[in-house]
N, C-alpha and C. Protein backbone atom coordinates (compact mmCIF):
# COMPACT_ATOMS: atom_id res chain seq x y z
N MET A 1 -2.95 -11.33 6.26
CA MET A 1 -1.94 -12.29 5.96
C MET A 1 -2.53 -11.78 4.18
N LEU A 2 -1.84 -11.64 3.16
CA LEU A 2 -1.80 -11.26 1.70
C LEU A 2 -1.98 -12.67 0.99
N ASN A 3 -3.41 -12.35 0.22
CA ASN A 3 -3.00 -13.28 -0.69
C ASN A 3 -2.86 -13.38 -2.29
N ARG A 4 -2.56 -14.38 -2.98
CA ARG A 4 -2.23 -13.84 -4.56
C ARG A 4 -3.28 -13.22 -4.86
N TYR A 5 -4.42 -13.26 -4.50
CA TYR A 5 -5.58 -12.42 -5.53
C TYR A 5 -5.60 -10.55 -4.87
N ASP A 6 -5.29 -10.67 -3.66
CA ASP A 6 -4.85 -9.07 -3.31
C ASP A 6 -4.03 -8.26 -4.27
N ARG A 7 -4.40 -7.30 -4.62
CA ARG A 7 -3.70 -6.44 -5.67
C ARG A 7 -3.66 -5.06 -5.19
N SER A 8 -3.59 -4.83 -4.07
CA SER A 8 -3.58 -3.60 -3.28
C SER A 8 -2.53 -3.49 -3.54
N PRO A 9 -1.97 -2.10 -4.01
CA PRO A 9 -0.28 -1.87 -4.27
C PRO A 9 0.06 -1.51 -2.30
N HIS A 10 1.37 -1.59 -2.15
CA HIS A 10 1.69 -0.86 -0.76
C HIS A 10 2.01 0.73 -1.07
N PRO A 11 2.00 1.38 -0.20
CA PRO A 11 2.34 3.04 -0.25
C PRO A 11 3.72 3.18 -0.65
N VAL A 12 3.78 3.94 -1.92
CA VAL A 12 5.11 3.97 -1.64
C VAL A 12 5.72 5.92 -1.98
N GLY A 13 6.52 6.36 -1.73
CA GLY A 13 6.76 7.41 -1.49
C GLY A 13 5.99 8.48 -0.21
N GLU A 14 6.44 9.60 -0.68
CA GLU A 14 5.76 10.82 0.78
C GLU A 14 4.74 11.07 0.77
N ALA A 15 3.72 10.83 1.98
CA ALA A 15 2.28 10.80 2.24
C ALA A 15 2.28 12.78 2.41
N GLU A 16 1.05 12.63 2.15
CA GLU A 16 0.19 14.39 2.93
C GLU A 16 -0.75 13.56 4.14
N VAL A 17 -0.18 14.60 5.12
CA VAL A 17 -1.15 14.24 6.25
C VAL A 17 -1.14 15.29 6.98
N ARG A 18 -2.61 15.05 7.46
CA ARG A 18 -3.52 16.32 8.39
C ARG A 18 -2.89 15.95 9.84
N TYR A 19 -2.70 16.45 10.46
CA TYR A 19 -2.32 16.44 12.12
C TYR A 19 -3.41 16.50 12.81
N LEU A 20 -4.10 16.11 13.80
CA LEU A 20 -5.14 16.23 14.55
C LEU A 20 -4.67 15.78 16.09
N ASP A 21 -5.34 16.39 16.88
CA ASP A 21 -5.32 16.05 18.24
C ASP A 21 -5.25 14.48 18.55
N GLY A 22 -4.17 14.33 18.81
CA GLY A 22 -4.21 11.98 19.05
C GLY A 22 -4.15 11.69 18.26
N ASP A 23 -4.11 11.89 16.98
CA ASP A 23 -4.60 11.17 15.68
C ASP A 23 -3.93 12.04 14.25
N PHE A 24 -3.90 11.27 13.33
CA PHE A 24 -3.48 12.04 11.96
C PHE A 24 -4.39 11.47 10.81
N ARG A 25 -5.02 11.88 10.02
CA ARG A 25 -5.53 12.05 8.74
C ARG A 25 -4.34 11.65 7.52
N VAL A 26 -4.43 10.57 6.90
CA VAL A 26 -3.77 10.71 5.59
C VAL A 26 -4.31 11.15 4.28
N VAL A 27 -4.06 12.12 4.06
CA VAL A 27 -4.69 12.80 2.94
C VAL A 27 -4.23 12.68 1.38
N ARG A 28 -3.14 11.98 1.07
CA ARG A 28 -2.59 11.60 -0.01
C ARG A 28 -1.72 10.01 0.67
N PRO A 29 -1.58 9.20 0.54
CA PRO A 29 -1.20 8.22 0.71
C PRO A 29 0.08 7.90 -0.11
N GLY A 30 0.88 7.50 1.21
CA GLY A 30 2.51 7.40 0.96
C GLY A 30 2.86 6.73 1.84
N ALA A 31 4.23 6.40 2.22
CA ALA A 31 4.76 5.49 3.09
C ALA A 31 5.50 6.29 3.99
N TYR A 32 5.65 7.14 4.07
CA TYR A 32 5.98 8.19 5.10
C TYR A 32 5.86 9.45 4.90
N VAL A 33 6.21 10.40 6.23
CA VAL A 33 6.81 11.78 6.17
C VAL A 33 7.88 12.21 6.45
N ARG A 34 8.24 13.34 6.29
CA ARG A 34 9.71 13.87 6.61
C ARG A 34 9.55 14.65 8.08
N CYS A 35 10.53 14.36 9.16
CA CYS A 35 10.55 15.48 10.13
C CYS A 35 11.13 16.62 9.58
N ALA A 36 10.36 17.39 10.42
CA ALA A 36 10.36 19.06 9.98
C ALA A 36 11.90 19.52 10.03
N VAL A 37 12.34 18.74 11.42
CA VAL A 37 13.73 19.31 11.91
C VAL A 37 15.03 18.73 11.21
N THR A 38 14.86 17.32 11.36
CA THR A 38 16.07 16.48 10.38
C THR A 38 15.71 16.30 8.89
N GLY A 39 14.60 15.91 8.71
CA GLY A 39 14.60 16.13 6.96
C GLY A 39 14.48 14.37 7.10
N GLU A 40 14.65 13.38 7.92
CA GLU A 40 15.11 12.31 8.22
C GLU A 40 13.69 11.77 7.52
N PRO A 41 13.68 10.17 7.01
CA PRO A 41 11.72 9.94 6.69
C PRO A 41 11.32 9.24 7.91
N ILE A 42 10.31 9.35 8.47
CA ILE A 42 9.49 8.68 9.51
C ILE A 42 8.34 7.74 8.66
N PRO A 43 8.37 6.30 8.96
CA PRO A 43 7.60 5.57 8.28
C PRO A 43 5.95 5.81 9.10
N LEU A 44 5.27 6.12 8.25
CA LEU A 44 3.64 6.02 8.93
C LEU A 44 3.37 5.24 10.04
N ASP A 45 3.63 4.19 10.12
CA ASP A 45 3.38 3.26 11.09
C ASP A 45 4.23 3.22 12.69
N GLU A 46 5.59 4.43 12.17
CA GLU A 46 6.04 4.68 13.44
C GLU A 46 6.23 5.82 13.67
N LEU A 47 5.27 7.01 13.28
CA LEU A 47 4.96 8.44 13.52
C LEU A 47 4.14 8.31 15.22
N LYS A 48 4.83 9.19 16.00
CA LYS A 48 4.60 9.40 17.42
C LYS A 48 4.14 10.81 17.55
N TYR A 49 5.32 11.49 16.97
CA TYR A 49 5.23 13.01 17.55
C TYR A 49 4.60 14.02 16.47
N TRP A 50 3.92 15.12 16.42
CA TRP A 50 3.75 16.18 15.41
C TRP A 50 2.90 17.32 16.40
N SER A 51 2.76 18.49 15.67
CA SER A 51 2.24 19.50 15.87
C SER A 51 1.13 19.86 15.44
N VAL A 52 -0.07 20.01 15.79
CA VAL A 52 -1.22 20.04 15.58
C VAL A 52 -1.24 21.58 14.69
N ASP A 53 -0.65 22.58 15.56
CA ASP A 53 -0.61 23.97 15.42
C ASP A 53 0.28 24.42 14.28
N ARG A 54 1.29 23.24 14.36
CA ARG A 54 2.51 23.55 12.72
C ARG A 54 2.31 22.91 11.66
N GLN A 55 1.64 21.88 12.07
CA GLN A 55 1.52 20.71 10.85
C GLN A 55 2.80 20.06 10.45
N GLU A 56 3.35 19.50 11.19
CA GLU A 56 4.68 19.03 10.93
C GLU A 56 5.11 17.91 11.72
N ALA A 57 5.50 17.25 11.31
CA ALA A 57 5.82 15.85 12.06
C ALA A 57 7.50 15.86 12.64
N TYR A 58 7.84 15.06 13.50
CA TYR A 58 9.40 15.37 14.42
C TYR A 58 9.31 13.57 14.43
N ALA A 59 10.84 13.40 13.98
CA ALA A 59 11.19 12.25 14.10
C ALA A 59 11.61 11.49 15.68
N THR A 60 11.89 12.13 16.59
CA THR A 60 12.12 12.11 17.82
C THR A 60 11.88 13.16 18.88
N PRO A 61 11.86 13.05 20.16
CA PRO A 61 10.90 13.81 20.99
C PRO A 61 12.37 15.05 21.22
N ALA A 62 13.70 14.78 20.75
CA ALA A 62 14.99 15.72 20.66
C ALA A 62 14.56 16.55 19.59
N ALA A 63 14.29 16.47 18.69
CA ALA A 63 13.54 16.98 17.54
C ALA A 63 12.58 18.16 17.75
N VAL A 64 11.41 17.86 18.67
CA VAL A 64 10.34 18.90 18.94
C VAL A 64 11.43 19.49 19.80
N LEU A 65 11.66 19.05 20.99
CA LEU A 65 12.74 20.19 21.61
C LEU A 65 13.20 20.97 21.19
N THR A 66 14.26 20.59 19.76
CA THR A 66 14.39 21.69 18.85
C THR A 66 13.66 22.75 18.52
N ARG A 67 12.69 22.10 17.89
CA ARG A 67 11.97 23.02 17.00
C ARG A 67 10.95 23.87 18.22
N LEU A 68 10.83 23.57 19.19
CA LEU A 68 10.03 24.36 20.32
C LEU A 68 11.24 25.40 20.57
N HIS A 69 12.32 24.78 21.21
CA HIS A 69 13.21 25.43 21.64
C HIS A 69 14.61 25.77 21.30
N PRO A 70 14.48 26.31 20.10
CA PRO A 70 15.90 26.41 19.59
C PRO A 70 16.87 26.69 19.89
N ASP A 71 16.83 27.98 21.03
CA ASP A 71 17.75 28.38 21.99
C ASP A 71 18.55 27.41 22.79
N ARG A 72 18.07 26.31 22.82
CA ARG A 72 18.24 25.43 23.75
C ARG A 72 18.66 23.94 22.78
N ALA A 73 19.12 24.13 21.73
CA ALA A 73 19.47 23.01 21.17
C ALA A 73 21.18 23.11 21.12
N GLY A 74 21.37 21.63 21.20
CA GLY A 74 22.79 21.32 21.55
C GLY A 74 23.28 20.34 21.05
């Protein structure tokens, strides 16, 4: 719980993230990253899907499949 003396601002805007195997590292603080397929913002605390090789995030498993197999998108 934050108290009235805590002056730490909540991150806002888009974060810059380095995607690692099984984890990610925030390079520039922010509240979200964008899905590489849909463009929708993904709050960092909800980020579950990304590509280490492509260094991009995905909002849903369907977005991952679309990116990896565009010929199967539908």
